[in-house]
Amino acid sequence: MIPIIILSIIAYTFYANPAAGMQQTISWVLWNGSFSALGAAIAFGHPLAVLTAFLVAPLSSLNPLMAAGWFAGFVQAYMHRPSVADFENLSEDVYSVKGFWNNKVTRILLIVVLTNLGSTLGTIIGGADVVRLFIENL
């Protein structure tokens, strides 16, 4: 329901005031993309995974069947493929912070989780900003 509300608000604002509608769209993209990319960067994701998080988050926040973290995690897995040793050491690495960050499998999971958390935060802040601009332009 939230994606329909956000899209409806942006569409109406574009109809009433195209400049404000463009400002809403830019705000949505920047808040969503920035926080999602920040999550991937905090997990020390590959630069392409961080870029993927930024580009996908504004769209995935509007689709309940997609998540920015999945895409960023896939790119991370492609760029830094886990080895058999990473899977073999998984049961030991999850018990230490160092092991959790150094194991490529758990690093992918960190990127997925932190990217999704960033996207959620960006959705809340970006959605609030979209509503604020909508109310200002009524």
N, C-alpha and C. Protein backbone atom coordinates (compact mmCIF):
# COMPACT_ATOMS: atom_id res chain seq x y z
N MET A 1 0.82 -1.19 0.00
CA MET A 1 0.00 0.00 0.00
C MET A 1 0.88 1.27 0.00
N ILE A 2 1.98 1.24 0.75
CA ILE A 2 2.86 2.41 0.84
C ILE A 2 3.41 2.79 -0.53
N PRO A 3 3.88 1.82 -1.35
CA PRO A 3 4.38 2.23 -2.68
C PRO A 3 3.31 2.93 -3.53
N ILE A 4 2.08 2.46 -3.45
CA ILE A 4 1.00 3.09 -4.22
C ILE A 4 0.76 4.51 -3.72
N ILE A 5 0.81 4.70 -2.41
CA ILE A 5 0.61 6.04 -1.84
C ILE A 5 1.74 6.97 -2.28
N ILE A 6 2.98 6.50 -2.17
CA ILE A 6 4.14 7.33 -2.57
C ILE A 6 4.05 7.70 -4.04
N LEU A 7 3.79 6.71 -4.90
CA LEU A 7 3.69 7.00 -6.33
C LEU A 7 2.53 7.93 -6.66
N SER A 8 1.42 7.77 -5.95
CA SER A 8 0.26 8.64 -6.18
C SER A 8 0.56 10.08 -5.77
N ILE A 9 1.22 10.23 -4.65
CA ILE A 9 1.58 11.57 -4.17
C ILE A 9 2.53 12.25 -5.18
N ILE A 10 3.53 11.50 -5.64
CA ILE A 10 4.47 12.08 -6.60
C ILE A 10 3.76 12.41 -7.92
N ALA A 11 2.89 11.52 -8.37
CA ALA A 11 2.17 11.76 -9.63
C ALA A 11 1.27 12.99 -9.52
N TYR A 12 0.56 13.11 -8.40
CA TYR A 12 -0.31 14.28 -8.23
C TYR A 12 0.51 15.57 -8.17
N THR A 13 1.62 15.52 -7.47
CA THR A 13 2.47 16.70 -7.36
C THR A 13 3.03 17.08 -8.73
N PHE A 14 3.42 16.09 -9.53
CA PHE A 14 3.86 16.38 -10.90
C PHE A 14 2.75 17.06 -11.70
N TYR A 15 1.53 16.60 -11.50
CA TYR A 15 0.39 17.19 -12.21
C TYR A 15 0.16 18.63 -11.76
N ALA A 16 0.22 18.86 -10.44
CA ALA A 16 -0.07 20.19 -9.90
C ALA A 16 1.11 21.16 -10.05
N ASN A 17 2.31 20.66 -9.84
CA ASN A 17 3.50 21.51 -9.88
C ASN A 17 4.69 20.64 -10.34
N PRO A 18 4.99 20.62 -11.63
CA PRO A 18 6.07 19.75 -12.13
C PRO A 18 7.42 19.96 -11.45
N ALA A 19 7.75 21.18 -11.09
CA ALA A 19 9.04 21.44 -10.42
C ALA A 19 9.08 20.75 -9.06
N ALA A 20 7.99 20.83 -8.32
CA ALA A 20 7.92 20.16 -7.01
C ALA A 20 7.93 18.65 -7.18
N GLY A 21 7.28 18.15 -8.22
CA GLY A 21 7.29 16.72 -8.50
C GLY A 21 8.68 16.22 -8.80
N MET A 22 9.44 17.01 -9.54
CA MET A 22 10.82 16.64 -9.84
C MET A 22 11.65 16.66 -8.55
N GLN A 23 11.40 17.63 -7.71
CA GLN A 23 12.11 17.72 -6.43
C GLN A 23 11.79 16.50 -5.56
N GLN A 24 10.53 16.06 -5.57
CA GLN A 24 10.14 14.86 -4.82
C GLN A 24 10.87 13.63 -5.35
N THR A 25 10.93 13.51 -6.66
CA THR A 25 11.58 12.35 -7.27
C THR A 25 13.06 12.32 -6.93
N ILE A 26 13.71 13.46 -7.04
CA ILE A 26 15.14 13.54 -6.71
C ILE A 26 15.36 13.22 -5.24
N SER A 27 14.50 13.73 -4.38
CA SER A 27 14.61 13.47 -2.95
C SER A 27 14.46 11.97 -2.67
N TRP A 28 13.48 11.33 -3.31
CA TRP A 28 13.24 9.90 -3.13
C TRP A 28 14.47 9.09 -3.55
N VAL A 29 15.01 9.42 -4.70
CA VAL A 29 16.16 8.68 -5.23
C VAL A 29 17.39 8.88 -4.33
N LEU A 30 17.64 10.12 -3.94
CA LEU A 30 18.84 10.39 -3.14
C LEU A 30 18.76 9.78 -1.74
N TRP A 31 17.63 9.93 -1.06
CA TRP A 31 17.53 9.36 0.29
C TRP A 31 17.64 7.84 0.24
N ASN A 32 16.87 7.23 -0.65
CA ASN A 32 16.89 5.77 -0.74
C ASN A 32 18.24 5.24 -1.17
N GLY A 33 18.76 5.79 -2.26
CA GLY A 33 20.02 5.31 -2.79
C GLY A 33 21.19 5.54 -1.85
N SER A 34 21.22 6.70 -1.22
CA SER A 34 22.35 7.03 -0.35
C SER A 34 22.42 6.12 0.87
N PHE A 35 21.30 5.93 1.54
CA PHE A 35 21.34 5.08 2.74
C PHE A 35 21.59 3.61 2.40
N SER A 36 21.05 3.18 1.28
CA SER A 36 21.30 1.81 0.85
C SER A 36 22.77 1.61 0.51
N ALA A 37 23.34 2.54 -0.24
CA ALA A 37 24.77 2.46 -0.59
C ALA A 37 25.64 2.57 0.66
N LEU A 38 25.22 3.39 1.61
CA LEU A 38 25.96 3.51 2.86
C LEU A 38 26.00 2.17 3.60
N GLY A 39 24.88 1.46 3.60
CA GLY A 39 24.85 0.14 4.24
C GLY A 39 25.82 -0.82 3.58
N ALA A 40 25.86 -0.81 2.25
CA ALA A 40 26.79 -1.69 1.54
C ALA A 40 28.24 -1.27 1.80
N ALA A 41 28.48 0.02 1.91
CA ALA A 41 29.83 0.51 2.16
C ALA A 41 30.28 0.18 3.59
N ILE A 42 29.38 0.27 4.54
CA ILE A 42 29.72 -0.08 5.93
C ILE A 42 30.15 -1.55 6.02
N ALA A 43 29.54 -2.39 5.19
CA ALA A 43 29.91 -3.81 5.17
C ALA A 43 31.14 -4.07 4.30
N PHE A 44 31.79 -2.99 3.84
CA PHE A 44 32.98 -3.08 2.99
C PHE A 44 32.69 -3.87 1.71
N GLY A 45 31.56 -3.53 1.07
CA GLY A 45 31.21 -4.17 -0.18
C GLY A 45 32.07 -3.68 -1.32
N HIS A 46 32.13 -4.45 -2.36
CA HIS A 46 32.84 -4.06 -3.58
C HIS A 46 32.21 -2.77 -4.11
N PRO A 47 33.00 -1.87 -4.71
CA PRO A 47 32.43 -0.62 -5.22
C PRO A 47 31.23 -0.82 -6.17
N LEU A 48 31.26 -1.89 -6.96
CA LEU A 48 30.11 -2.15 -7.83
C LEU A 48 28.88 -2.59 -7.04
N ALA A 49 29.09 -3.26 -5.91
CA ALA A 49 27.97 -3.63 -5.04
C ALA A 49 27.37 -2.38 -4.40
N VAL A 50 28.22 -1.43 -4.02
CA VAL A 50 27.75 -0.17 -3.44
C VAL A 50 26.97 0.62 -4.50
N LEU A 51 27.49 0.68 -5.72
CA LEU A 51 26.81 1.37 -6.81
C LEU A 51 25.47 0.69 -7.13
N THR A 52 25.45 -0.62 -7.13
CA THR A 52 24.22 -1.36 -7.37
C THR A 52 23.19 -1.04 -6.30
N ALA A 53 23.62 -0.98 -5.06
CA ALA A 53 22.71 -0.64 -3.97
C ALA A 53 22.10 0.74 -4.18
N PHE A 54 22.93 1.70 -4.60
CA PHE A 54 22.42 3.06 -4.84
C PHE A 54 21.41 3.09 -5.97
N LEU A 55 21.68 2.38 -7.05
CA LEU A 55 20.82 2.43 -8.22
C LEU A 55 19.52 1.65 -8.06
N VAL A 56 19.57 0.55 -7.33
CA VAL A 56 18.40 -0.33 -7.23
C VAL A 56 17.46 0.08 -6.10
N ALA A 57 17.97 0.67 -5.04
CA ALA A 57 17.15 0.96 -3.85
C ALA A 57 15.90 1.80 -4.13
N PRO A 58 15.98 2.89 -4.91
CA PRO A 58 14.76 3.68 -5.14
C PRO A 58 13.65 2.89 -5.83
N LEU A 59 14.03 1.95 -6.68
CA LEU A 59 13.02 1.13 -7.36
C LEU A 59 12.55 -0.04 -6.50
N SER A 60 13.49 -0.68 -5.82
CA SER A 60 13.12 -1.84 -5.01
C SER A 60 12.27 -1.45 -3.80
N SER A 61 12.39 -0.21 -3.37
CA SER A 61 11.56 0.24 -2.25
C SER A 61 10.09 0.35 -2.65
N LEU A 62 9.85 0.44 -3.93
CA LEU A 62 8.48 0.53 -4.43
C LEU A 62 7.91 -0.82 -4.85
N ASN A 63 8.72 -1.86 -4.79
CA ASN A 63 8.28 -3.19 -5.18
C ASN A 63 8.51 -4.15 -4.01
N PRO A 64 7.44 -4.68 -3.42
CA PRO A 64 7.62 -5.54 -2.25
C PRO A 64 8.28 -6.89 -2.56
N LEU A 65 8.42 -7.23 -3.83
CA LEU A 65 9.05 -8.50 -4.18
C LEU A 65 10.54 -8.38 -4.46
N MET A 66 11.08 -7.18 -4.34
CA MET A 66 12.50 -6.94 -4.59
C MET A 66 13.13 -6.30 -3.35
N ALA A 67 14.42 -6.53 -3.20
CA ALA A 67 15.16 -5.88 -2.11
C ALA A 67 16.53 -5.48 -2.64
N ALA A 68 16.94 -4.27 -2.33
CA ALA A 68 18.22 -3.76 -2.82
C ALA A 68 19.38 -4.63 -2.35
N GLY A 69 19.28 -5.15 -1.15
CA GLY A 69 20.35 -5.98 -0.60
C GLY A 69 20.58 -7.25 -1.40
N TRP A 70 19.52 -7.80 -1.96
CA TRP A 70 19.69 -9.01 -2.78
C TRP A 70 20.55 -8.72 -3.98
N PHE A 71 20.31 -7.58 -4.62
CA PHE A 71 21.08 -7.23 -5.81
C PHE A 71 22.53 -6.90 -5.44
N ALA A 72 22.71 -6.14 -4.38
CA ALA A 72 24.07 -5.80 -3.95
C ALA A 72 24.82 -7.07 -3.51
N GLY A 73 24.14 -7.96 -2.82
CA GLY A 73 24.76 -9.22 -2.40
C GLY A 73 25.14 -10.09 -3.59
N PHE A 74 24.29 -10.11 -4.61
CA PHE A 74 24.60 -10.87 -5.82
C PHE A 74 25.84 -10.32 -6.51
N VAL A 75 25.92 -9.00 -6.62
CA VAL A 75 27.10 -8.38 -7.24
C VAL A 75 28.35 -8.68 -6.42
N GLN A 76 28.24 -8.60 -5.09
CA GLN A 76 29.37 -8.91 -4.22
C GLN A 76 29.80 -10.37 -4.41
N ALA A 77 28.84 -11.27 -4.48
CA ALA A 77 29.17 -12.69 -4.67
C ALA A 77 29.83 -12.93 -6.02
N TYR A 78 29.41 -12.16 -7.02
CA TYR A 78 30.02 -12.30 -8.34
C TYR A 78 31.44 -11.75 -8.38
N MET A 79 31.65 -10.63 -7.72
CA MET A 79 32.96 -9.98 -7.75
C MET A 79 33.97 -10.67 -6.83
N HIS A 80 33.52 -11.14 -5.68
CA HIS A 80 34.38 -11.84 -4.72
C HIS A 80 33.74 -13.18 -4.39
N ARG A 81 33.95 -14.12 -5.26
CA ARG A 81 33.29 -15.43 -5.12
C ARG A 81 33.83 -16.18 -3.91
N PRO A 82 32.90 -16.69 -3.10
CA PRO A 82 33.34 -17.50 -1.95
C PRO A 82 33.98 -18.80 -2.43
N SER A 83 34.96 -19.24 -1.67
CA SER A 83 35.62 -20.50 -1.99
C SER A 83 35.04 -21.62 -1.13
N VAL A 84 35.44 -22.83 -1.44
CA VAL A 84 35.00 -23.98 -0.65
C VAL A 84 35.48 -23.81 0.79
N ALA A 85 36.67 -23.26 0.97
CA ALA A 85 37.23 -23.06 2.31
C ALA A 85 36.35 -22.09 3.12
N ASP A 86 35.77 -21.08 2.46
CA ASP A 86 34.89 -20.16 3.16
C ASP A 86 33.67 -20.90 3.72
N PHE A 87 33.13 -21.82 2.94
CA PHE A 87 31.99 -22.60 3.41
C PHE A 87 32.40 -23.60 4.49
N GLU A 88 33.59 -24.17 4.35
CA GLU A 88 34.07 -25.11 5.36
C GLU A 88 34.34 -24.42 6.69
N ASN A 89 34.81 -23.18 6.65
CA ASN A 89 35.14 -22.44 7.87
C ASN A 89 33.95 -21.67 8.43
N LEU A 90 32.83 -21.76 7.78
CA LEU A 90 31.66 -20.98 8.17
C LEU A 90 31.22 -21.25 9.61
N SER A 91 31.21 -22.51 10.01
CA SER A 91 30.75 -22.83 11.36
C SER A 91 31.67 -22.27 12.45
N GLU A 92 32.94 -22.04 12.14
CA GLU A 92 33.86 -21.45 13.11
C GLU A 92 33.88 -19.92 13.01
N ASP A 93 33.77 -19.41 11.79
CA ASP A 93 33.91 -17.96 11.58
C ASP A 93 32.74 -17.15 12.14
N VAL A 94 31.59 -17.76 12.27
CA VAL A 94 30.44 -17.00 12.77
C VAL A 94 30.52 -16.71 14.26
N TYR A 95 31.48 -17.32 14.94
CA TYR A 95 31.60 -17.11 16.38
C TYR A 95 32.57 -15.99 16.76
N SER A 96 33.26 -15.43 15.78
CA SER A 96 34.14 -14.30 16.08
C SER A 96 33.84 -13.16 15.11
N VAL A 97 34.02 -11.95 15.60
CA VAL A 97 33.77 -10.78 14.76
C VAL A 97 34.73 -10.76 13.59
N LYS A 98 35.99 -11.05 13.85
CA LYS A 98 37.00 -11.06 12.79
C LYS A 98 36.63 -12.10 11.72
N GLY A 99 36.28 -13.28 12.15
CA GLY A 99 35.91 -14.33 11.20
C GLY A 99 34.67 -13.97 10.41
N PHE A 100 33.71 -13.34 11.07
CA PHE A 100 32.47 -12.95 10.41
C PHE A 100 32.75 -11.95 9.29
N TRP A 101 33.66 -11.01 9.54
CA TRP A 101 33.96 -10.00 8.53
C TRP A 101 34.91 -10.52 7.45
N ASN A 102 35.74 -11.52 7.76
CA ASN A 102 36.72 -12.01 6.78
C ASN A 102 36.19 -13.13 5.89
N ASN A 103 35.19 -13.85 6.34
CA ASN A 103 34.62 -14.92 5.54
C ASN A 103 33.76 -14.32 4.43
N LYS A 104 34.00 -14.75 3.19
CA LYS A 104 33.30 -14.16 2.04
C LYS A 104 31.80 -14.47 2.05
N VAL A 105 31.42 -15.59 2.62
CA VAL A 105 29.99 -15.94 2.69
C VAL A 105 29.27 -15.01 3.66
N THR A 106 29.83 -14.85 4.84
CA THR A 106 29.17 -13.97 5.81
C THR A 106 29.28 -12.51 5.40
N ARG A 107 30.31 -12.14 4.65
CA ARG A 107 30.42 -10.78 4.14
C ARG A 107 29.27 -10.49 3.19
N ILE A 108 28.92 -11.45 2.35
CA ILE A 108 27.78 -11.28 1.45
C ILE A 108 26.50 -11.09 2.26
N LEU A 109 26.34 -11.88 3.31
CA LEU A 109 25.15 -11.74 4.17
C LEU A 109 25.12 -10.38 4.85
N LEU A 110 26.28 -9.90 5.30
CA LEU A 110 26.35 -8.56 5.90
C LEU A 110 25.93 -7.49 4.90
N ILE A 111 26.39 -7.62 3.68
CA ILE A 111 26.04 -6.64 2.66
C ILE A 111 24.54 -6.66 2.40
N VAL A 112 23.96 -7.85 2.31
CA VAL A 112 22.52 -7.95 2.08
C VAL A 112 21.75 -7.29 3.22
N VAL A 113 22.11 -7.62 4.45
CA VAL A 113 21.37 -7.10 5.61
C VAL A 113 21.55 -5.58 5.75
N LEU A 114 22.79 -5.10 5.71
CA LEU A 114 23.03 -3.67 5.91
C LEU A 114 22.49 -2.82 4.76
N THR A 115 22.53 -3.36 3.55
CA THR A 115 21.94 -2.64 2.41
C THR A 115 20.43 -2.55 2.58
N ASN A 116 19.80 -3.63 2.99
CA ASN A 116 18.35 -3.60 3.19
C ASN A 116 17.95 -2.68 4.35
N LEU A 117 18.74 -2.66 5.40
CA LEU A 117 18.46 -1.73 6.51
C LEU A 117 18.60 -0.29 6.05
N GLY A 118 19.63 -0.01 5.27
CA GLY A 118 19.80 1.34 4.73
C GLY A 118 18.66 1.72 3.81
N SER A 119 18.21 0.79 2.99
CA SER A 119 17.09 1.06 2.10
C SER A 119 15.81 1.33 2.88
N THR A 120 15.60 0.59 3.95
CA THR A 120 14.43 0.82 4.80
C THR A 120 14.47 2.21 5.42
N LEU A 121 15.62 2.57 5.94
CA LEU A 121 15.77 3.91 6.53
C LEU A 121 15.57 4.99 5.47
N GLY A 122 16.13 4.77 4.27
CA GLY A 122 15.95 5.72 3.18
C GLY A 122 14.50 5.83 2.75
N THR A 123 13.78 4.73 2.79
CA THR A 123 12.36 4.75 2.45
C THR A 123 11.57 5.58 3.45
N ILE A 124 11.88 5.42 4.71
CA ILE A 124 11.16 6.19 5.75
C ILE A 124 11.46 7.68 5.61
N ILE A 125 12.74 8.03 5.51
CA ILE A 125 13.11 9.44 5.42
C ILE A 125 12.67 10.03 4.07
N GLY A 126 12.91 9.29 2.99
CA GLY A 126 12.51 9.77 1.67
C GLY A 126 11.01 9.90 1.55
N GLY A 127 10.27 8.94 2.12
CA GLY A 127 8.81 9.02 2.10
C GLY A 127 8.30 10.21 2.89
N ALA A 128 8.91 10.48 4.03
CA ALA A 128 8.52 11.65 4.82
C ALA A 128 8.80 12.94 4.07
N ASP A 129 9.92 12.98 3.35
CA ASP A 129 10.26 14.17 2.57
C ASP A 129 9.29 14.35 1.40
N VAL A 130 8.89 13.25 0.76
CA VAL A 130 7.92 13.32 -0.33
C VAL A 130 6.59 13.85 0.19
N VAL A 131 6.15 13.37 1.35
CA VAL A 131 4.90 13.84 1.94
C VAL A 131 5.02 15.32 2.33
N ARG A 132 6.17 15.70 2.89
CA ARG A 132 6.37 17.11 3.26
C ARG A 132 6.25 18.02 2.05
N LEU A 133 6.91 17.64 0.95
CA LEU A 133 6.83 18.45 -0.27
C LEU A 133 5.41 18.46 -0.84
N PHE A 134 4.70 17.37 -0.69
CA PHE A 134 3.31 17.30 -1.15
C PHE A 134 2.44 18.28 -0.38
N ILE A 135 2.60 18.28 0.94
CA ILE A 135 1.80 19.17 1.79
C ILE A 135 2.15 20.62 1.52
N GLU A 136 3.41 20.93 1.29
CA GLU A 136 3.82 22.30 0.99
C GLU A 136 3.24 22.81 -0.33
N ASN A 137 2.94 21.91 -1.24
CA ASN A 137 2.46 22.30 -2.57
C ASN A 137 0.96 22.08 -2.76
N LEU A 138 0.24 21.90 -1.71
CA LEU A 138 -1.23 21.74 -1.84
C LEU A 138 -1.89 23.05 -2.19
